[in-house]
Amino acid sequence: MIAFLSASIEMAVRSFANALLTIFPFLPASLATNPEQIMIIIGFAGQGLFAMRFIVQWLTSEGQGRSVIPIAFWYFSIGGGAVLLFYAIWRQDPVIICGQGLGLFIYLRNLFLIQKSQSNAAKGDTA
């Protein structure tokens, strides 16, 4: 299953590379034959998104003078985790796949609990 997903991702990246070369002919032709170049960029983008969650949390906490986890933390977690999961599947790395897959579940669950809590609070305010 993972091998099939990895091959599918690689085909999609090759198609994306060909589209990029059509739009931007000055890019190196090796993009079409070497999807690793694009996947490395995607992997770093996922790491960047994942790192942003800590920066957002740090800045929010500094602003409030106490430790705070803003909702943006969870959105950056989901974005970074999803991109890293995509990258891990392409690499066929079971360790990263398990870690990011479980993490995504936790991040989504936290957003659900926050939304549920806010909904309950809103109902209490109108009653």
C-alpha atoms as a PDB file:
ATOM      1  CA  MET A   1       0.000   0.000   0.000  1.00  0.00           C
ATOM      2  CA  ILE A   2       2.764   2.452   0.966  1.00  0.00           C
ATOM      3  CA  ALA A   3       4.728   1.575  -2.185  1.00  0.00           C
ATOM      4  CA  PHE A   4       1.644   2.277  -4.316  1.00  0.00           C
ATOM      5  CA  LEU A   5       1.072   5.639  -2.590  1.00  0.00           C
ATOM      6  CA  SER A   6       4.747   6.511  -2.964  1.00  0.00           C
ATOM      7  CA  ALA A   7       4.678   5.716  -6.683  1.00  0.00           C
ATOM      8  CA  SER A   8       1.487   7.766  -7.073  1.00  0.00           C
ATOM      9  CA  ILE A   9       3.089  10.729  -5.325  1.00  0.00           C
ATOM     10  CA  GLU A  10       6.143  10.438  -7.549  1.00  0.00           C
ATOM     11  CA  MET A  11       3.965  10.406 -10.682  1.00  0.00           C
ATOM     12  CA  ALA A  12       2.096  13.483  -9.466  1.00  0.00           C
ATOM     13  CA  VAL A  13       5.369  15.281  -8.701  1.00  0.00           C
ATOM     14  CA  ARG A  14       6.707  14.433 -12.162  1.00  0.00           C
ATOM     15  CA  SER A  15       3.517  15.853 -13.706  1.00  0.00           C
ATOM     16  CA  PHE A  16       3.848  18.947 -11.545  1.00  0.00           C
ATOM     17  CA  ALA A  17       7.488  19.307 -12.616  1.00  0.00           C
ATOM     18  CA  ASN A  18       6.497  19.084 -16.290  1.00  0.00           C
ATOM     19  CA  ALA A  19       3.838  21.747 -15.736  1.00  0.00           C
ATOM     20  CA  LEU A  20       6.403  23.968 -14.021  1.00  0.00           C
ATOM     21  CA  LEU A  21       8.807  23.522 -16.933  1.00  0.00           C
ATOM     22  CA  THR A  22       6.059  24.466 -19.383  1.00  0.00           C
ATOM     23  CA  ILE A  23       5.226  27.618 -17.441  1.00  0.00           C
ATOM     24  CA  PHE A  24       8.815  28.472 -16.497  1.00  0.00           C
ATOM     25  CA  PRO A  25      11.085  27.115 -19.280  1.00  0.00           C
ATOM     26  CA  PHE A  26      14.173  28.637 -17.628  1.00  0.00           C
ATOM     27  CA  LEU A  27      13.990  26.060 -14.789  1.00  0.00           C
ATOM     28  CA  PRO A  28      16.421  23.140 -15.041  1.00  0.00           C
ATOM     29  CA  ALA A  29      15.116  20.226 -17.114  1.00  0.00           C
ATOM     30  CA  SER A  30      16.324  17.854 -14.390  1.00  0.00           C
ATOM     31  CA  LEU A  31      13.161  18.700 -12.412  1.00  0.00           C
ATOM     32  CA  ALA A  32      11.181  16.393 -14.708  1.00  0.00           C
ATOM     33  CA  THR A  33      13.588  13.493 -14.370  1.00  0.00           C
ATOM     34  CA  ASN A  34      14.616  13.974 -10.748  1.00  0.00           C
ATOM     35  CA  PRO A  35      11.517  14.389  -8.534  1.00  0.00           C
ATOM     36  CA  GLU A  36      13.742  14.325  -5.448  1.00  0.00           C
ATOM     37  CA  GLN A  37      14.518  18.008  -6.044  1.00  0.00           C
ATOM     38  CA  ILE A  38      10.872  18.993  -5.661  1.00  0.00           C
ATOM     39  CA  MET A  39      10.276  16.551  -2.812  1.00  0.00           C
ATOM     40  CA  ILE A  40      13.184  18.020  -0.841  1.00  0.00           C
ATOM     41  CA  ILE A  41      11.549  21.447  -1.191  1.00  0.00           C
ATOM     42  CA  ILE A  42       8.221  19.957  -0.066  1.00  0.00           C
ATOM     43  CA  GLY A  43       9.912  18.294   2.922  1.00  0.00           C
ATOM     44  CA  PHE A  44      11.539  21.556   3.988  1.00  0.00           C
ATOM     45  CA  ALA A  45       8.218  23.368   3.533  1.00  0.00           C
ATOM     46  CA  GLY A  46       6.585  20.858   5.888  1.00  0.00           C
ATOM     47  CA  GLN A  47       9.352  21.381   8.426  1.00  0.00           C
ATOM     48  CA  GLY A  48       8.888  25.138   8.080  1.00  0.00           C
ATOM     49  CA  LEU A  49       5.167  24.904   8.741  1.00  0.00           C
ATOM     50  CA  PHE A  50       5.802  22.619  11.687  1.00  0.00           C
ATOM     51  CA  ALA A  51       8.398  25.021  13.123  1.00  0.00           C
ATOM     52  CA  MET A  52       5.993  27.950  12.743  1.00  0.00           C
ATOM     53  CA  ARG A  53       3.693  26.422  15.329  1.00  0.00           C
ATOM     54  CA  PHE A  54       6.366  26.930  17.994  1.00  0.00           C
ATOM     55  CA  ILE A  55       7.121  30.453  16.837  1.00  0.00           C
ATOM     56  CA  VAL A  56       3.417  31.373  16.969  1.00  0.00           C
ATOM     57  CA  GLN A  57       3.090  29.774  20.409  1.00  0.00           C
ATOM     58  CA  TRP A  58       6.199  31.555  21.693  1.00  0.00           C
ATOM     59  CA  LEU A  59       5.121  34.994  20.394  1.00  0.00           C
ATOM     60  CA  THR A  60       1.593  34.593  21.763  1.00  0.00           C
ATOM     61  CA  SER A  61       2.918  33.506  25.152  1.00  0.00           C
ATOM     62  CA  GLU A  62       5.351  36.416  25.270  1.00  0.00           C
ATOM     63  CA  GLY A  63       2.543  38.811  24.393  1.00  0.00           C
ATOM     64  CA  GLN A  64       0.301  37.492  27.162  1.00  0.00           C
ATOM     65  CA  GLY A  65       3.055  36.973  29.709  1.00  0.00           C
ATOM     66  CA  ARG A  66       2.070  33.336  30.299  1.00  0.00           C
ATOM     67  CA  SER A  67       2.193  30.034  28.455  1.00  0.00           C
ATOM     68  CA  VAL A  68      -0.579  29.932  25.851  1.00  0.00           C
ATOM     69  CA  ILE A  69      -1.358  27.575  22.985  1.00  0.00           C
ATOM     70  CA  PRO A  70      -3.237  29.606  20.342  1.00  0.00           C
ATOM     71  CA  ILE A  71      -5.532  27.958  17.789  1.00  0.00           C
ATOM     72  CA  ALA A  72      -3.009  28.854  15.076  1.00  0.00           C
ATOM     73  CA  PHE A  73      -0.628  26.378  16.763  1.00  0.00           C
ATOM     74  CA  TRP A  74      -2.992  23.533  15.866  1.00  0.00           C
ATOM     75  CA  TYR A  75      -3.480  24.736  12.285  1.00  0.00           C
ATOM     76  CA  PHE A  76       0.281  24.945  11.737  1.00  0.00           C
ATOM     77  CA  SER A  77       0.583  21.491  13.337  1.00  0.00           C
ATOM     78  CA  ILE A  78      -1.953  20.074  10.889  1.00  0.00           C
ATOM     79  CA  GLY A  79      -0.389  21.798   7.881  1.00  0.00           C
ATOM     80  CA  GLY A  80       3.150  20.779   8.753  1.00  0.00           C
ATOM     81  CA  GLY A  81       2.121  17.281   9.798  1.00  0.00           C
ATOM     82  CA  ALA A  82       0.156  16.706   6.583  1.00  0.00           C
ATOM     83  CA  VAL A  83       3.033  17.880   4.369  1.00  0.00           C
ATOM     84  CA  LEU A  84       5.536  15.797   6.345  1.00  0.00           C
ATOM     85  CA  LEU A  85       3.227  12.767   6.131  1.00  0.00           C
ATOM     86  CA  PHE A  86       3.058  13.258   2.345  1.00  0.00           C
ATOM     87  CA  TYR A  87       6.867  13.415   2.264  1.00  0.00           C
ATOM     88  CA  ALA A  88       7.215  10.377   4.555  1.00  0.00           C
ATOM     89  CA  ILE A  89       4.898   8.300   2.375  1.00  0.00           C
ATOM     90  CA  TRP A  90       6.947   9.233  -0.669  1.00  0.00           C
ATOM     91  CA  ARG A  91      10.114   8.202   1.217  1.00  0.00           C
ATOM     92  CA  GLN A  92       8.340   5.051   2.455  1.00  0.00           C
ATOM     93  CA  ASP A  93       9.558   5.780   5.982  1.00  0.00           C
ATOM     94  CA  PRO A  94       7.337   3.896   8.451  1.00  0.00           C
ATOM     95  CA  VAL A  95       8.734   5.725  11.503  1.00  0.00           C
ATOM     96  CA  ILE A  96       7.813   9.181  10.198  1.00  0.00           C
ATOM     97  CA  ILE A  97       4.525   7.888   8.763  1.00  0.00           C
ATOM     98  CA  CYS A  98       3.456   6.566  12.177  1.00  0.00           C
ATOM     99  CA  GLY A  99       4.611   9.665  14.024  1.00  0.00           C
ATOM    100  CA  GLN A 100       2.950  12.156  11.688  1.00  0.00           C
ATOM    101  CA  GLY A 101      -0.187  10.038  11.255  1.00  0.00           C
ATOM    102  CA  LEU A 102      -0.764   9.862  15.004  1.00  0.00           C
ATOM    103  CA  GLY A 103       0.148  13.533  15.377  1.00  0.00           C
ATOM    104  CA  LEU A 104      -2.435  14.555  12.769  1.00  0.00           C
ATOM    105  CA  PHE A 105      -5.121  12.668  14.669  1.00  0.00           C
ATOM    106  CA  ILE A 106      -4.155  14.450  17.904  1.00  0.00           C
ATOM    107  CA  TYR A 107      -4.059  17.901  16.269  1.00  0.00           C
ATOM    108  CA  LEU A 108      -7.461  17.393  14.644  1.00  0.00           C
ATOM    109  CA  ARG A 109      -8.895  16.085  17.897  1.00  0.00           C
ATOM    110  CA  ASN A 110      -7.639  19.155  19.762  1.00  0.00           C
ATOM    111  CA  LEU A 111      -9.265  21.462  17.205  1.00  0.00           C
ATOM    112  CA  PHE A 112     -12.507  19.493  17.562  1.00  0.00           C
ATOM    113  CA  LEU A 113     -12.387  19.829  21.360  1.00  0.00           C
ATOM    114  CA  ILE A 114     -11.674  23.571  21.106  1.00  0.00           C
ATOM    115  CA  GLN A 115     -14.573  24.045  18.700  1.00  0.00           C
ATOM    116  CA  LYS A 116     -16.858  21.993  20.936  1.00  0.00           C
ATOM    117  CA  SER A 117     -15.837  24.022  23.995  1.00  0.00           C
ATOM    118  CA  GLN A 118     -16.424  27.308  22.172  1.00  0.00           C
ATOM    119  CA  SER A 119     -19.800  26.080  20.938  1.00  0.00           C
ATOM    120  CA  ASN A 120     -20.831  25.066  24.472  1.00  0.00           C
ATOM    121  CA  ALA A 121     -19.646  28.423  25.832  1.00  0.00           C
ATOM    122  CA  ALA A 122     -21.674  30.248  23.167  1.00  0.00           C
ATOM    123  CA  LYS A 123     -24.775  28.248  24.065  1.00  0.00           C
ATOM    124  CA  GLY A 124     -24.268  29.116  27.728  1.00  0.00           C
ATOM    125  CA  ASP A 125     -23.936  32.831  26.885  1.00  0.00           C
ATOM    126  CA  THR A 126     -27.228  32.928  24.965  1.00  0.00           C
ATOM    127  CA  ALA A 127     -29.253  30.970  27.500  1.00  0.00           C
END
